[in-house]
Protein backbone atom coordinates (compact mmCIF):
# COMPACT_ATOMS: atom_id res chain seq x y z
CA MET A 1 -19.07 -47.34 -42.66
CA VAL A 2 -18.58 -48.05 -38.93
CA LEU A 3 -14.91 -47.03 -39.19
CA ILE A 4 -15.90 -43.79 -40.92
CA ILE A 5 -18.38 -42.96 -38.12
CA ILE A 6 -15.80 -43.73 -35.41
CA PHE A 7 -13.18 -41.61 -37.20
CA SER A 8 -15.66 -38.76 -37.56
CA LEU A 9 -16.60 -38.86 -33.87
CA SER A 10 -12.97 -38.96 -32.77
CA GLN A 11 -12.16 -35.96 -34.96
CA LYS A 12 -15.05 -34.00 -33.44
CA ALA A 13 -13.96 -34.88 -29.90
CA PHE A 14 -10.43 -33.80 -30.75
CA SER A 15 -11.37 -30.50 -32.29
CA VAL A 16 -13.85 -29.11 -29.71
CA TYR A 17 -12.15 -27.07 -26.93
CA ASP A 18 -8.84 -28.73 -27.62
CA VAL A 19 -5.97 -27.25 -25.60
CA ASN A 20 -3.45 -28.62 -28.07
CA GLU A 21 0.19 -27.75 -28.72
CA ASN A 22 -0.72 -24.84 -30.94
CA CYS A 23 -2.78 -23.31 -28.14
CA LYS A 24 -0.05 -23.96 -25.57
CA ASP A 25 2.51 -22.35 -27.86
CA ALA A 26 0.18 -19.38 -28.31
CA TRP A 27 -0.19 -19.07 -24.54
CA MET A 28 3.58 -19.02 -24.16
CA LEU A 29 3.96 -16.33 -26.80
CA LEU A 30 1.19 -14.30 -25.18
CA MET A 31 2.94 -14.48 -21.80
CA ASP A 32 6.03 -13.18 -23.59
CA LEU A 33 3.83 -10.40 -25.03
CA LYS A 34 4.59 -11.54 -28.57
CA ILE A 35 0.94 -11.05 -29.36
CA ALA A 36 1.17 -10.88 -33.15
CA GLU A 37 3.04 -14.20 -33.25
CA ALA A 38 0.51 -15.81 -30.90
CA LYS A 39 -2.37 -14.67 -33.08
CA MET A 40 -0.67 -16.06 -36.20
CA ILE A 41 -0.58 -19.51 -34.59
CA LEU A 42 -4.22 -19.18 -33.55
CA ASP A 43 -5.26 -18.02 -37.04
CA GLU A 44 -3.69 -21.17 -38.46
CA GLU A 45 -5.32 -23.33 -35.77
CA ILE A 46 -8.76 -21.85 -36.51
CA ARG A 47 -8.24 -22.24 -40.26
CA THR A 48 -7.31 -25.92 -40.01
CA ASN A 49 -9.53 -26.76 -37.04
CA PRO A 50 -12.50 -24.35 -37.09
CA GLU A 51 -14.32 -26.31 -34.37
CA ASN A 52 -11.60 -25.82 -31.78
CA TYR A 53 -13.50 -23.21 -29.82
CA TYR A 54 -10.71 -22.87 -27.27
CA ALA A 55 -8.67 -21.16 -29.99
CA TYR A 56 -11.38 -18.49 -30.39
CA TYR A 57 -11.35 -17.81 -26.65
CA LEU A 58 -7.56 -17.58 -26.63
CA ASP A 59 -7.59 -15.30 -29.67
CA GLN A 60 -9.85 -12.87 -27.79
CA THR A 61 -7.56 -13.13 -24.77
CA CYS A 62 -4.67 -12.00 -26.99
CA ASP A 63 -6.76 -9.00 -28.03
CA ALA A 64 -7.56 -8.30 -24.37
CA TYR A 65 -3.88 -8.17 -23.45
CA LYS A 66 -3.25 -5.84 -26.36
CA MET A 67 -6.11 -3.62 -25.16
CA ILE A 68 -4.73 -3.52 -21.62
CA ILE A 69 -1.32 -2.43 -22.88
CA ASN A 70 -2.71 0.47 -24.92
CA SER A 71 -5.98 1.12 -26.73
CA GLY A 72 -8.27 3.87 -27.87
CA ASP A 73 -11.89 4.15 -28.98
CA GLU A 74 -11.25 2.44 -32.31
CA GLU A 75 -9.69 -0.64 -30.68
CA TYR A 76 -12.47 -0.75 -28.10
CA GLU A 77 -15.20 -0.78 -30.74
CA ALA A 78 -13.34 -3.47 -32.69
CA PHE A 79 -13.05 -5.57 -29.53
CA ILE A 80 -16.81 -5.41 -29.01
CA GLU A 81 -17.51 -6.46 -32.61
CA ASN A 82 -15.00 -9.31 -32.46
CA PHE A 83 -16.55 -10.54 -29.22
CA LYS A 84 -19.95 -10.70 -30.91
CA LYS A 85 -18.57 -12.54 -33.94
CA LYS A 86 -16.78 -15.11 -31.77
CA ARG A 87 -19.86 -15.70 -29.66
CA GLU A 88 -21.95 -16.26 -32.79
CA ILE A 89 -19.55 -19.05 -33.69
CA MET A 90 -19.23 -20.47 -30.17
CA ASP A 91 -22.75 -20.15 -28.74
CA ASP A 92 -24.58 -23.44 -28.16
CA LYS A 93 -21.59 -25.44 -29.41
CA ASP A 94 -20.43 -28.32 -27.20
CA GLU A 95 -22.28 -26.98 -24.15
CA ASP A 96 -21.50 -30.22 -22.31
CA SER A 97 -17.81 -29.37 -22.19
CA PRO A 98 -16.65 -27.78 -18.90
CA TYR A 99 -14.69 -25.36 -21.09
CA TYR A 100 -17.90 -23.95 -22.61
CA LEU A 101 -18.96 -21.85 -19.59
CA ALA A 102 -15.35 -21.36 -18.43
CA CYS A 103 -14.33 -19.71 -21.69
CA TYR A 104 -17.65 -17.88 -22.08
CA SER A 105 -17.41 -16.34 -18.61
CA GLU A 106 -13.82 -15.18 -19.08
CA MET A 107 -14.65 -13.60 -22.42
CA GLU A 108 -17.51 -11.72 -20.72
CA ILE A 109 -15.21 -10.60 -17.91
CA GLN A 110 -12.82 -9.15 -20.47
CA LEU A 111 -15.60 -7.29 -22.28
CA GLY A 112 -17.14 -6.11 -19.01
CA PHE A 113 -13.80 -4.72 -17.84
CA PHE A 114 -13.33 -2.73 -21.04
CA ASN A 115 -16.95 -1.53 -20.90
CA ILE A 116 -16.30 -0.11 -17.43
CA MET A 117 -12.95 1.43 -18.36
CA ASN A 118 -14.55 3.11 -21.37
CA GLY A 119 -17.40 4.68 -19.44
CA ALA A 120 -20.14 2.06 -19.99
CA GLU A 121 -20.18 1.13 -16.31
CA TYR A 122 -23.66 -0.39 -16.07
CA SER A 123 -23.20 -2.46 -19.20
CA GLY A 124 -19.82 -3.63 -17.93
CA VAL A 125 -21.16 -4.60 -14.52
CA ARG A 126 -24.00 -6.56 -16.14
CA LYS A 127 -21.44 -8.47 -18.21
CA MET A 128 -19.41 -9.15 -15.07
CA TYR A 129 -22.47 -10.42 -13.24
CA SER A 130 -23.40 -12.65 -16.17
CA ALA A 131 -19.86 -14.06 -16.07
CA TYR A 132 -20.11 -14.51 -12.30
CA ARG A 133 -23.24 -16.62 -12.67
CA LYS A 134 -21.68 -18.74 -15.42
CA VAL A 135 -18.60 -19.44 -13.29
CA TYR A 136 -20.64 -20.81 -10.41
CA ARG A 137 -23.01 -22.69 -12.67
CA ASN A 138 -19.97 -24.38 -14.16
CA LEU A 139 -18.59 -25.18 -10.70
CA ASP A 140 -21.88 -26.85 -9.82
CA LYS A 141 -21.82 -28.94 -13.00
CA TYR A 142 -18.11 -29.79 -12.97
CA PRO A 143 -16.74 -29.44 -9.42
CA ASP A 144 -13.49 -31.23 -10.33
CA PHE A 145 -12.70 -29.05 -13.37
CA LYS A 146 -9.51 -27.32 -12.19
CA PRO A 147 -9.50 -24.35 -14.62
CA SER A 148 -12.67 -23.12 -12.86
CA LEU A 149 -10.54 -22.37 -9.80
CA LYS A 150 -8.99 -19.39 -11.59
CA LEU A 151 -12.21 -17.44 -12.03
CA ASP A 152 -13.66 -18.56 -8.69
CA GLY A 153 -10.51 -17.22 -7.04
CA PHE A 154 -10.52 -14.08 -9.18
CA PHE A 155 -14.11 -13.20 -8.27
CA ASN A 156 -13.51 -13.74 -4.56
CA VAL A 157 -10.54 -11.36 -4.62
CA ALA A 158 -11.97 -8.82 -7.05
CA MET A 159 -15.40 -8.51 -5.44
CA ALA A 160 -13.79 -7.83 -2.07
CA THR A 161 -11.60 -5.07 -3.48
CA LEU A 162 -13.91 -3.19 -5.85
CA PRO A 163 -13.12 0.50 -6.38
CA PRO A 164 -15.59 2.99 -4.86
CA PHE A 165 -17.47 3.76 -8.06
CA VAL A 166 -18.71 0.18 -8.46
CA LYS A 167 -18.95 -0.94 -4.81
CA TRP A 168 -22.76 -0.87 -5.19
CA VAL A 169 -22.39 -4.04 -7.27
CA ILE A 170 -22.04 -6.26 -4.20
CA SER A 171 -25.29 -5.15 -2.57
CA PHE A 172 -27.18 -4.79 -5.86
CA PHE A 173 -26.41 -8.29 -7.09
CA GLY A 174 -26.15 -9.91 -3.67
CA VAL A 175 -22.76 -11.52 -4.35
CA SER A 176 -20.38 -12.57 -1.59
CA SER A 177 -16.59 -12.87 -1.48
CA ASP A 178 -13.67 -14.00 0.64
CA ILE A 179 -10.19 -12.69 -0.20
CA ASP A 180 -8.18 -15.38 1.57
CA TYR A 181 -10.31 -18.14 0.08
CA GLY A 182 -9.93 -16.61 -3.38
CA PHE A 183 -6.17 -16.25 -3.10
CA ASN A 184 -5.83 -19.87 -1.95
CA LEU A 185 -7.91 -21.00 -4.93
CA LEU A 186 -5.56 -19.17 -7.29
CA ILE A 187 -2.57 -20.88 -5.66
CA GLU A 188 -4.34 -24.23 -6.03
CA ASN A 189 -5.11 -23.46 -9.67
CA TYR A 190 -1.44 -22.69 -10.32
CA GLN A 191 -0.30 -25.87 -8.58
CA SER A 192 -2.78 -27.99 -10.57
CA GLN A 193 -1.54 -26.59 -13.91
CA LYS A 194 2.11 -25.77 -13.24
CA ASN A 195 3.27 -28.41 -15.73
CA ILE A 196 1.08 -27.22 -18.63
CA LYS A 197 3.12 -25.00 -20.94
CA GLY A 198 1.84 -21.45 -21.23
CA ILE A 199 -1.19 -22.00 -19.01
CA ASN A 200 1.16 -22.35 -16.03
CA ALA A 201 2.51 -18.85 -16.70
CA GLU A 202 -0.99 -17.40 -16.89
CA SER A 203 -2.02 -19.21 -13.69
CA ALA A 204 1.01 -17.77 -11.90
CA LEU A 205 0.13 -14.31 -13.22
CA PHE A 206 -3.34 -14.50 -11.64
CA VAL A 207 -1.73 -15.21 -8.25
CA ILE A 208 0.40 -12.07 -8.61
CA LEU A 209 -2.48 -9.92 -9.84
CA ALA A 210 -4.64 -11.02 -6.90
CA ALA A 211 -2.02 -9.75 -4.46
CA LYS A 212 -1.75 -6.47 -6.36
CA ILE A 213 -5.53 -6.02 -6.42
CA ASN A 214 -5.62 -6.70 -2.69
CA LYS A 215 -2.82 -4.15 -2.13
CA THR A 216 -0.63 -6.82 -0.53
CA PRO A 217 2.23 -7.21 -3.04
CA GLU A 218 4.59 -8.34 -0.28
CA ILE A 219 2.87 -11.74 -0.04
CA VAL A 220 3.94 -12.70 -3.58
CA TYR A 221 7.49 -11.29 -3.52
CA GLU A 222 9.04 -14.71 -2.86
CA PHE A 223 6.55 -16.32 -5.26
CA THR A 224 7.81 -14.18 -8.16
CA ARG A 225 11.37 -15.27 -7.37
CA SER A 226 10.55 -18.98 -7.10
CA LEU A 227 8.94 -19.55 -10.51
CA ASP A 228 10.48 -22.03 -12.93
CA SER A 229 12.66 -20.47 -15.61
CA ASN A 230 10.22 -21.35 -18.41
CA ILE A 231 7.75 -19.04 -16.67
CA SER A 232 10.06 -16.45 -15.13
CA GLN A 233 11.81 -15.70 -18.43
CA THR A 234 8.63 -14.50 -20.15
CA PHE A 235 8.18 -10.75 -20.50
CA VAL A 236 5.04 -10.70 -18.34
CA HIS A 237 6.75 -12.37 -15.40
CA LYS A 238 9.97 -10.38 -15.62
CA TYR A 239 7.85 -7.24 -15.73
CA PHE A 240 5.74 -8.22 -12.73
CA LYS A 241 8.78 -9.40 -10.80
CA ALA A 242 10.12 -5.86 -11.26
CA ASN A 243 6.72 -4.39 -10.41
CA ILE A 244 6.44 -6.35 -7.16
CA ALA A 245 9.98 -5.35 -6.18
CA TYR A 246 9.01 -1.71 -6.90
CA ARG A 247 5.82 -2.02 -4.86
CA THR A 248 7.65 -3.48 -1.88
CA GLY A 249 10.33 -0.80 -1.63
CA ARG A 250 13.09 -2.68 -3.46
CA ASN A 251 13.63 -0.10 -6.16
CA GLU A 252 17.17 -1.05 -7.12
CA GLU A 253 16.14 -4.68 -7.55
CA ALA A 254 13.19 -3.55 -9.66
CA LEU A 255 15.52 -1.52 -11.87
CA LYS A 256 17.94 -4.40 -12.42
CA THR A 257 15.11 -6.83 -13.19
CA LEU A 258 13.54 -4.49 -15.72
CA GLN A 259 16.90 -3.80 -17.37
CA GLN A 260 17.30 -7.54 -18.00
CA ILE A 261 14.45 -7.46 -20.52
CA ASP A 262 15.63 -7.32 -24.14
CA MET A 263 13.19 -4.79 -25.55
CA THR A 264 14.32 -5.40 -29.15
CA ASN A 265 12.18 -8.56 -29.00
CA HIS A 266 9.23 -6.89 -27.29
CA THR A 267 8.57 -3.67 -29.15
CA SER A 268 4.80 -3.96 -28.65
CA ALA A 269 5.43 -3.61 -24.90
CA ASP A 270 7.57 -0.46 -25.15
CA ILE A 271 4.83 1.66 -23.60
CA ILE A 272 4.43 -0.35 -20.40
CA TYR A 273 8.21 -0.68 -20.11
CA SER A 274 8.42 3.13 -20.20
CA TYR A 275 5.61 3.35 -17.61
CA LEU A 276 7.42 1.30 -15.00
CA MET A 277 10.95 2.46 -15.84
CA GLY A 278 9.91 6.10 -15.49
CA LYS A 279 8.45 5.50 -12.03
CA ILE A 280 11.45 3.47 -10.90
CA LEU A 281 13.90 6.17 -12.01
CA LEU A 282 11.82 8.89 -10.37
CA ARG A 283 12.27 7.17 -7.00
CA LYS A 284 15.98 7.04 -7.72
CA LEU A 285 15.83 10.82 -8.41
CA ASP A 286 17.38 10.01 -11.77
CA ARG A 287 17.07 12.64 -14.52
CA ASP A 288 16.32 9.93 -17.10
CA ALA A 289 12.91 9.51 -15.46
CA ARG A 290 11.55 12.38 -17.57
CA TYR A 291 12.43 10.59 -20.82
CA TYR A 292 10.52 7.43 -19.95
CA LEU A 293 7.53 9.22 -18.44
CA SER A 294 7.28 11.44 -21.52
CA GLU A 295 7.67 8.41 -23.82
CA TYR A 296 4.74 6.75 -22.11
CA LEU A 297 2.52 9.80 -22.53
CA SER A 298 3.55 10.36 -26.15
CA HIS A 299 2.32 6.90 -27.20
CA LEU A 300 -0.69 6.62 -24.89
CA LYS A 301 -4.08 6.05 -26.54
CA LYS A 302 -6.13 5.16 -23.48
CA LYS A 303 -7.04 7.56 -20.68
CA GLU A 304 -6.06 5.16 -17.92
CA TYR A 305 -2.91 6.17 -15.97
CA LEU A 306 -2.86 9.52 -17.76
CA LYS A 307 -3.32 11.39 -14.47
CA GLU A 308 -0.79 9.23 -12.64
CA ILE A 309 2.05 9.70 -15.11
CA ASN A 310 1.37 13.41 -15.58
CA PHE A 311 1.64 13.82 -11.82
CA ASN A 312 4.89 11.84 -11.82
CA LEU A 313 6.18 14.33 -14.38
CA ALA A 314 4.97 17.14 -12.13
CA LEU A 315 7.05 15.69 -9.30
CA TYR A 316 10.04 15.31 -11.63
CA TYR A 317 9.95 19.03 -12.41
CA LEU A 318 9.39 19.96 -8.76
CA ILE A 319 12.45 18.06 -7.49
CA ASN A 320 14.43 19.65 -10.32
CA ASN A 321 13.40 23.13 -9.11
CA ASN A 322 10.88 24.00 -11.83
CA GLN A 323 7.71 25.03 -9.97
CA THR A 324 6.14 26.46 -13.09
CA LYS A 325 6.24 23.10 -14.87
CA TYR A 326 5.06 21.39 -11.69
CA LEU A 327 1.95 23.56 -11.60
CA GLU A 328 1.34 23.09 -15.34
CA TYR A 329 1.34 19.32 -14.99
CA CYS A 330 -0.88 19.47 -11.90
CA GLU A 331 -3.39 21.37 -14.02
CA ILE A 332 -3.22 18.62 -16.66
CA VAL A 333 -3.87 16.02 -13.95
CA ARG A 334 -6.97 17.89 -12.81
CA GLU A 335 -8.34 18.43 -16.32
CA GLU A 336 -7.42 15.33 -18.34
CA GLY A 337 -7.79 11.57 -18.09
CA MET A 338 -10.12 9.50 -15.93
CA ASP A 339 -10.29 8.63 -12.25
CA MET A 340 -11.38 5.00 -12.46
CA ASN A 341 -8.26 3.37 -11.09
CA GLU A 342 -6.57 3.94 -7.78
CA ARG A 343 -3.31 5.34 -9.15
CA ASP A 344 -5.19 8.05 -11.08
CA ARG A 345 -7.36 8.94 -8.08
CA GLU A 346 -4.24 9.28 -5.93
CA ALA A 347 -2.69 11.55 -8.54
CA LEU A 348 -5.84 13.70 -8.59
CA TYR A 349 -5.68 14.08 -4.81
CA ASP A 350 -2.02 15.07 -4.91
CA ALA A 351 -2.47 17.51 -7.80
CA SER A 352 -5.36 19.20 -5.98
CA LEU A 353 -3.51 20.01 -2.75
CA ASN A 354 -3.79 23.62 -1.57
CA TYR A 355 -0.02 24.00 -1.25
CA ILE A 356 3.14 23.23 -3.21
CA PRO A 357 4.99 20.32 -1.56
CA ASP A 358 8.42 20.99 -0.12
CA VAL A 359 11.10 19.81 -2.57
CA ASN A 360 13.23 18.06 0.04
CA LEU A 361 10.26 16.29 1.61
CA VAL A 362 9.25 15.03 -1.84
CA LYS A 363 12.79 13.75 -2.40
CA ALA A 364 12.70 12.10 1.02
CA ARG A 365 9.37 10.36 0.35
CA LEU A 366 10.44 9.08 -3.08
CA SER A 367 13.72 7.82 -1.61
CA LEU A 368 12.02 6.13 1.33
CA ASP A 369 9.48 4.44 -0.96
CA GLY A 370 12.35 3.11 -3.05
CA GLY A 371 14.50 1.87 -0.19
CA TYR A 372 17.26 4.44 -0.71
CA PHE A 373 17.83 5.18 2.97
CA ASP A 374 21.03 7.22 2.69
CA GLN A 375 19.36 9.38 0.06
CA PHE A 376 16.33 9.69 2.35
CA GLU A 377 18.36 10.82 5.35
CA THR A 378 20.22 13.41 3.26
CA ALA A 379 16.94 14.89 1.97
CA LEU A 380 15.39 14.95 5.44
CA LYS A 381 18.48 16.58 6.95
CA THR A 382 18.48 19.22 4.20
CA TYR A 383 14.82 19.98 4.94
CA LYS A 384 15.47 20.28 8.68
CA GLU A 385 18.27 22.78 8.07
CA ASN A 386 15.80 25.07 6.28
CA PRO A 387 12.24 23.99 7.20
CA GLY A 388 9.19 25.42 5.50
CA ASP A 389 6.75 27.64 7.36
CA LEU A 390 3.58 25.60 6.73
CA LEU A 391 2.12 23.28 9.35
CA VAL A 392 1.62 20.56 6.73
CA TYR A 393 5.39 20.49 6.12
CA GLU A 394 6.03 19.79 9.79
CA ILE A 395 3.35 17.06 9.78
CA GLU A 396 4.86 15.39 6.71
CA TYR A 397 8.38 15.64 8.12
CA ARG A 398 7.35 13.83 11.30
CA PHE A 399 5.34 11.29 9.31
CA LEU A 400 8.30 10.39 7.10
CA LYS A 401 10.67 10.21 10.06
CA ALA A 402 8.27 7.88 11.91
CA ARG A 403 7.97 5.68 8.82
CA PHE A 404 11.74 5.42 8.67
CA ASP A 405 11.93 4.55 12.36
CA ALA A 406 9.28 1.84 11.88
CA LEU A 407 11.24 0.30 9.01
CA GLY A 408 14.29 0.16 11.26
CA ALA A 409 12.26 -1.51 14.03
CA ASN A 410 12.74 1.54 16.25
CA ASN A 411 9.20 1.09 17.51
CA LYS A 412 9.40 3.45 20.48
CA GLU A 413 10.45 6.37 18.25
CA ALA A 414 8.01 5.37 15.51
CA ILE A 415 5.06 5.22 17.93
CA ALA A 416 5.91 8.62 19.37
CA GLY A 417 6.30 10.08 15.86
CA PHE A 418 3.02 8.72 14.51
CA LYS A 419 1.18 9.98 17.61
CA GLU A 420 2.64 13.44 17.01
CA VAL A 421 1.40 13.29 13.41
CA ILE A 422 -2.11 12.47 14.63
CA ASP A 423 -2.06 15.24 17.23
CA LEU A 424 -0.90 17.81 14.67
CA GLY A 425 -2.91 16.59 11.71
CA GLU A 426 -6.22 15.10 12.79
CA ASP A 427 -8.08 18.36 12.19
CA GLU A 428 -6.29 19.04 8.89
CA ASP A 429 -7.58 17.91 5.49
CA TYR A 430 -4.57 15.77 4.65
CA TYR A 431 -4.05 12.00 4.69
CA PHE A 432 -1.08 11.95 7.08
CA ALA A 433 -3.02 11.51 10.35
CA SER A 434 -5.21 8.76 8.93
CA GLU A 435 -2.23 6.81 7.62
CA ALA A 436 -0.26 7.42 10.82
CA ALA A 437 -3.09 5.75 12.76
CA LEU A 438 -3.05 2.82 10.29
CA ARG A 439 0.70 2.37 10.79
CA LEU A 440 0.31 2.59 14.57
CA GLY A 441 -2.28 -0.18 14.34
CA ASN A 442 0.23 -2.30 12.42
CA ILE A 443 2.96 -1.77 15.01
CA TYR A 444 0.66 -2.70 17.88
CA LYS A 445 -0.66 -5.74 16.01
CA GLU A 446 2.87 -7.01 15.45
CA ALA A 447 3.57 -6.46 19.16
CA GLY A 448 0.51 -8.54 20.06
CA GLU A 449 -1.35 -5.57 21.60
CA ILE A 450 -4.64 -6.30 19.87
CA ASN A 451 -6.83 -3.78 21.71
CA LEU A 452 -4.48 -0.92 20.87
CA ALA A 453 -4.20 -2.16 17.29
CA LYS A 454 -7.98 -2.13 16.92
CA LYS A 455 -8.20 1.32 18.52
CA TYR A 456 -5.83 2.84 15.96
CA TYR A 457 -7.31 1.01 12.98
CA GLU A 458 -10.69 2.44 13.96
CA LYS A 459 -9.13 5.88 14.39
CA SER A 460 -7.58 5.59 10.92
CA ILE A 461 -11.01 4.95 9.43
CA LYS A 462 -12.55 7.80 11.45
CA LEU A 463 -9.91 10.24 10.19
CA TYR A 464 -10.18 9.02 6.59
CA ARG A 465 -11.71 11.22 3.89
CA SER A 466 -13.09 9.85 0.63
CA ASN A 467 -10.51 11.65 -1.51
CA PHE A 468 -7.51 10.31 0.44
CA TYR A 469 -5.44 7.35 -0.73
CA GLU A 470 -7.82 4.37 -0.82
CA TYR A 471 -5.35 1.88 0.55
CA ILE A 472 -5.52 3.59 3.98
CA GLU A 473 -9.19 2.84 4.67
CA ASP A 474 -9.01 -0.44 2.78
CA LYS A 475 -6.09 -1.77 4.83
CA ALA A 476 -7.52 -0.53 8.13
CA THR A 477 -10.89 -2.17 7.45
CA LYS A 478 -9.30 -5.50 6.47
CA ALA A 479 -6.97 -5.35 9.47
CA ILE A 480 -9.89 -5.02 11.88
CA LYS A 481 -11.59 -7.96 10.21
CA ASN A 482 -8.42 -10.06 10.46
CA LEU A 483 -7.96 -9.22 14.14
């Protein structure tokens, strides 16, 4: 009888929140975006070990990744119902495990995010706040439980970088945040779990996402290149390695990295592959950009990034001398989709301009953003040979030239150029003057001239308008704080 009791207790201890090999294998498949295969393993784990509540949490995480890739109203409603069913099974079970609140809070974060992205903002924020409280309650109870670092770090980064439409959350709920502290926690979380199969890849992903959320992708460029091959060979990490290269002006590297992915083994990720490939090829001024951008839109169920990609198509047609199509797609940007993420809000600003951009200046900007400097200089020279007659064209020309000079460390020319942009554009309703002041602040900061840096960061904020690119005000505000 005693042996039976001991065996029974050991089985219970084994089966509750057990991060076993099945779960680790499922994590690895999820990081490779082989979601159906991951869920098959988890279905078997739940069937044979129904009290392994970690498997239920991981199963929902698989659904969350699938939702992020592409989802409509039907998938959203199913996600809500499945969340409720899982919580009915998991609630009040093994509450003494540090995984109980850790898994519960992350499941609520996932639901809250999809609530917000599907228009239920208040409900989503309430879920997020509930998760926030659970995270810190768990930290109080189990201060040495390393997986808690992930969500502690996530909240510190996310709360400090909330988009405008939910910034009221911080004051309403009285939460506090520290970006640097949060980022360091995510690094610590990765280091503490870097030898745990699958979970190490997810921990590394959170480090990368934190930098993206904070609009500082450059700080994780080397990180993406230093990951062990068992992590770096997964679809998610190849994709984000390409994404970070794209975001930091290394377009050709981004293209080569993305092309290394064998899409025959990742058909469920076709849509996000098309999303990034289309944008990469647009910067290259490659005609194949239209195919990938159109592919993305043709399979899109969600409204997120609808404005962004339609505007990218608008630019494609503009640089290929089809103004009619450009204007048609600008109209789509204004009328369709949502403006809940930064890329879509930027697209809405661009599609609502009171002028048609100059073709050669658009080519120059795309080339400069991608690191194609010969292509940039050709486009800028072509513009200068036949300049447009609008003041905004002259402002943009000088802005792009100053950016190029700054990249080449020609600080004297860059400073003069950015000051000209401010003089010409500070009374105009365009973002150029505000961003020129931000970039002047950066130059002076690097030169150690702190007072001048602060002066231009403050000027950038003063010149900023709410419909401009958010990163301008965001970066200027953080730069002043860091000074």
